[in-house]
Amino acid sequence: MKRTSFSAMECPIARGLERVGEWWSILILRDAFNGRTRFDEFQDSLGIAPNMLTRRLKALVEAGLLEKRRYSERPVRHDYILTDRARDFRPILVMLQAWGNTHFAPEGKSVLTVNTRTGHEARPIVIDAVSGLPITDPVFRTVAGPAASERTRRRYSTAPHPTPDEGQ
């Protein structure tokens, strides 16, 4: 069964999911952030079938998240290097890790992000760069942007607005 493509959707979340929404893709990016660059390294780390890994790496290269660089002629071998677009995804991975540790790790935290200078565990939050407020503050809500279609404008103009308790 062929999956639905989100690439033509107006929603930036749907478009982002089109690029990284398949779970192997996120785990490959996680491993790339942890220094893995080679096919064999990804395969050993993930236990993923070679054909699936090939498809996921190809999709990540096509999405501009990884750059493929040849390091061997015989046999032909490539490194997969994080791009600037991928590096912009790192905070999302860190937040996903923290969220998973908080809500889905009854045995305790198995992976942490730490400050290498202090050794302390990072406690990531997303803040608005203009006001400095956490994005979970109830003053923030999602609205249609300047490029929104009429359908999107209707969706966000009729969406219920969370109460201060629901926004946190």
Protein backbone atom coordinates (compact mmCIF):
# COMPACT_ATOMS: atom_id res chain seq x y z
CA MET A 1 0.00 0.00 0.00
CA LYS A 2 1.42 3.37 -1.04
CA ARG A 3 1.44 6.00 1.67
CA THR A 4 -0.11 9.42 1.25
CA SER A 5 2.29 12.21 0.33
CA PHE A 6 2.12 15.37 2.41
CA SER A 7 4.43 17.40 0.16
CA ALA A 8 1.62 19.33 -1.54
CA MET A 9 -0.15 20.19 1.71
CA GLU A 10 0.03 23.80 2.84
CA CYS A 11 0.72 22.88 6.47
CA PRO A 12 4.42 23.24 7.44
CA ILE A 13 4.06 20.35 9.90
CA ALA A 14 2.79 18.07 7.11
CA ARG A 15 5.60 19.20 4.81
CA GLY A 16 8.18 18.55 7.51
CA LEU A 17 6.70 15.12 8.18
CA GLU A 18 7.01 14.35 4.48
CA ARG A 19 10.78 14.64 4.93
CA VAL A 20 11.34 13.11 8.37
CA GLY A 21 8.02 11.51 9.40
CA GLU A 22 9.07 7.93 8.75
CA TRP A 23 10.58 6.64 12.00
CA TRP A 24 13.72 5.21 10.39
CA SER A 25 14.52 8.66 9.02
CA ILE A 26 14.45 10.23 12.46
CA LEU A 27 16.61 7.45 13.89
CA ILE A 28 19.11 7.81 11.03
CA LEU A 29 19.33 11.54 11.75
CA ARG A 30 19.76 10.77 15.46
CA ASP A 31 22.67 8.49 14.62
CA ALA A 32 24.16 11.06 12.23
CA PHE A 33 24.10 13.63 15.05
CA ASN A 34 25.96 11.08 17.14
CA GLY A 35 28.76 10.87 14.57
CA ARG A 36 27.73 8.03 12.31
CA THR A 37 28.25 8.72 8.59
CA ARG A 38 28.57 5.34 6.88
CA PHE A 39 26.02 2.82 5.67
CA ASP A 40 27.50 0.01 7.79
CA GLU A 41 27.49 2.22 10.89
CA PHE A 42 23.80 3.06 10.45
CA GLN A 43 22.94 -0.56 9.77
CA ASP A 44 24.85 -1.84 12.81
CA SER A 45 23.32 0.79 15.09
CA LEU A 46 19.74 0.42 13.90
CA GLY A 47 19.48 -3.23 12.86
CA ILE A 48 17.64 -2.01 9.77
CA ALA A 49 17.35 -4.07 6.57
CA PRO A 50 19.81 -2.90 3.89
CA ASN A 51 17.08 -2.19 1.32
CA MET A 52 15.14 -0.04 3.81
CA LEU A 53 18.30 1.81 4.84
CA THR A 54 19.14 2.47 1.19
CA ARG A 55 15.65 3.94 0.60
CA ARG A 56 15.74 6.09 3.74
CA LEU A 57 19.23 7.45 3.03
CA LYS A 58 18.20 8.25 -0.55
CA ALA A 59 15.10 10.09 0.71
CA LEU A 60 17.12 12.06 3.26
CA VAL A 61 19.62 13.06 0.56
CA GLU A 62 16.77 14.09 -1.78
CA ALA A 63 15.19 16.13 1.04
CA GLY A 64 18.48 17.99 1.51
CA LEU A 65 19.05 16.65 5.03
CA LEU A 66 22.09 14.54 4.22
CA GLU A 67 24.82 15.06 1.66
CA LYS A 68 26.30 11.98 0.01
CA ARG A 69 30.12 12.10 -0.35
CA ARG A 70 32.18 9.36 -1.93
CA TYR A 71 35.08 8.18 0.21
CA SER A 72 36.06 5.03 -1.74
CA GLU A 73 36.20 4.23 -5.45
CA ARG A 74 36.64 0.46 -5.20
CA PRO A 75 34.28 -0.54 -3.90
CA VAL A 76 32.18 2.61 -4.25
CA ARG A 77 31.31 3.81 -0.75
CA HIS A 78 29.80 7.02 0.60
CA ASP A 79 29.66 9.05 3.78
CA TYR A 80 26.33 10.68 4.63
CA ILE A 81 26.99 14.13 6.06
CA LEU A 82 24.48 16.33 7.90
CA THR A 83 23.52 19.49 6.01
CA ASP A 84 22.60 22.87 7.50
CA ARG A 85 18.95 21.90 6.97
CA ALA A 86 19.50 18.78 9.07
CA ARG A 87 21.40 20.69 11.76
CA ASP A 88 18.31 22.91 12.13
CA PHE A 89 16.42 19.70 13.02
CA ARG A 90 18.64 18.91 16.04
CA PRO A 91 16.60 20.92 18.58
CA ILE A 92 13.52 18.93 17.52
CA LEU A 93 15.38 15.68 18.23
CA VAL A 94 16.55 16.97 21.61
CA MET A 95 13.00 17.99 22.49
CA LEU A 96 11.62 14.62 21.32
CA GLN A 97 14.21 12.87 23.49
CA ALA A 98 13.29 14.97 26.54
CA TRP A 99 9.56 14.41 25.92
CA GLY A 100 10.12 10.66 25.58
CA ASN A 101 12.18 10.59 28.79
CA THR A 102 9.47 12.50 30.66
CA HIS A 103 6.43 10.57 29.44
CA PHE A 104 7.51 7.17 28.12
CA ALA A 105 10.47 5.96 30.19
CA PRO A 106 9.03 4.29 33.31
CA GLU A 107 12.39 2.56 33.88
CA GLY A 108 14.18 5.90 33.87
CA LYS A 109 16.18 7.93 31.38
CA SER A 110 18.41 5.82 29.15
CA VAL A 111 19.76 8.68 27.01
CA LEU A 112 20.44 12.27 28.08
CA THR A 113 21.68 15.48 26.56
CA VAL A 114 24.33 16.97 28.82
CA ASN A 115 26.35 20.16 28.96
CA THR A 116 29.91 18.97 28.21
CA ARG A 117 31.41 21.81 30.29
CA THR A 118 29.41 21.19 33.44
CA GLY A 119 28.27 17.59 33.04
CA HIS A 120 24.75 18.64 33.98
CA GLU A 121 21.71 17.32 32.16
CA ALA A 122 20.16 19.79 29.74
CA ARG A 123 16.54 20.72 30.35
CA PRO A 124 15.50 21.98 26.92
CA ILE A 125 12.62 24.37 26.38
CA VAL A 126 11.45 26.23 23.30
CA ILE A 127 11.29 29.99 23.74
CA ASP A 128 10.16 32.84 21.57
CA ALA A 129 13.28 34.76 20.53
CA VAL A 130 11.40 38.08 20.59
CA SER A 131 9.70 37.97 24.00
CA GLY A 132 11.82 35.32 25.72
CA LEU A 133 8.64 33.55 26.84
CA PRO A 134 8.35 29.76 26.64
CA ILE A 135 6.31 28.80 23.60
CA THR A 136 3.94 26.92 25.94
CA ASP A 137 2.83 30.25 27.46
CA PRO A 138 -0.90 30.74 26.81
CA VAL A 139 -0.23 34.04 25.01
CA PHE A 140 0.82 32.01 21.95
CA ARG A 141 -1.54 30.37 19.50
CA THR A 142 -1.34 29.17 15.92
CA VAL A 143 -2.81 31.44 13.26
CA ALA A 144 -2.88 31.51 9.47
CA GLY A 145 0.21 33.08 7.94
CA PRO A 146 0.52 35.56 5.07
CA ALA A 147 0.77 32.82 2.41
CA ALA A 148 -2.22 30.86 3.76
CA SER A 149 -4.99 29.77 1.43
CA GLU A 150 -8.59 30.66 2.18
CA ARG A 151 -9.17 27.11 3.45
CA THR A 152 -6.28 27.43 5.92
CA ARG A 153 -7.48 30.87 7.00
CA ARG A 154 -10.92 29.38 7.74
CA ARG A 155 -9.39 26.44 9.63
CA TYR A 156 -7.46 28.72 11.97
CA SER A 157 -10.10 31.43 12.33
CA THR A 158 -12.69 28.88 13.49
CA ALA A 159 -10.36 26.78 15.66
CA PRO A 160 -11.23 26.86 19.34
CA HIS A 161 -8.80 28.95 21.34
CA PRO A 162 -7.30 27.18 24.34
CA THR A 163 -7.97 28.55 27.77
CA PRO A 164 -4.89 29.52 29.80
CA ASP A 165 -4.99 26.10 31.55
CA GLU A 166 -5.14 24.21 28.23
CA GLY A 167 -2.29 26.23 26.72
CA GLN A 168 0.21 24.99 29.29
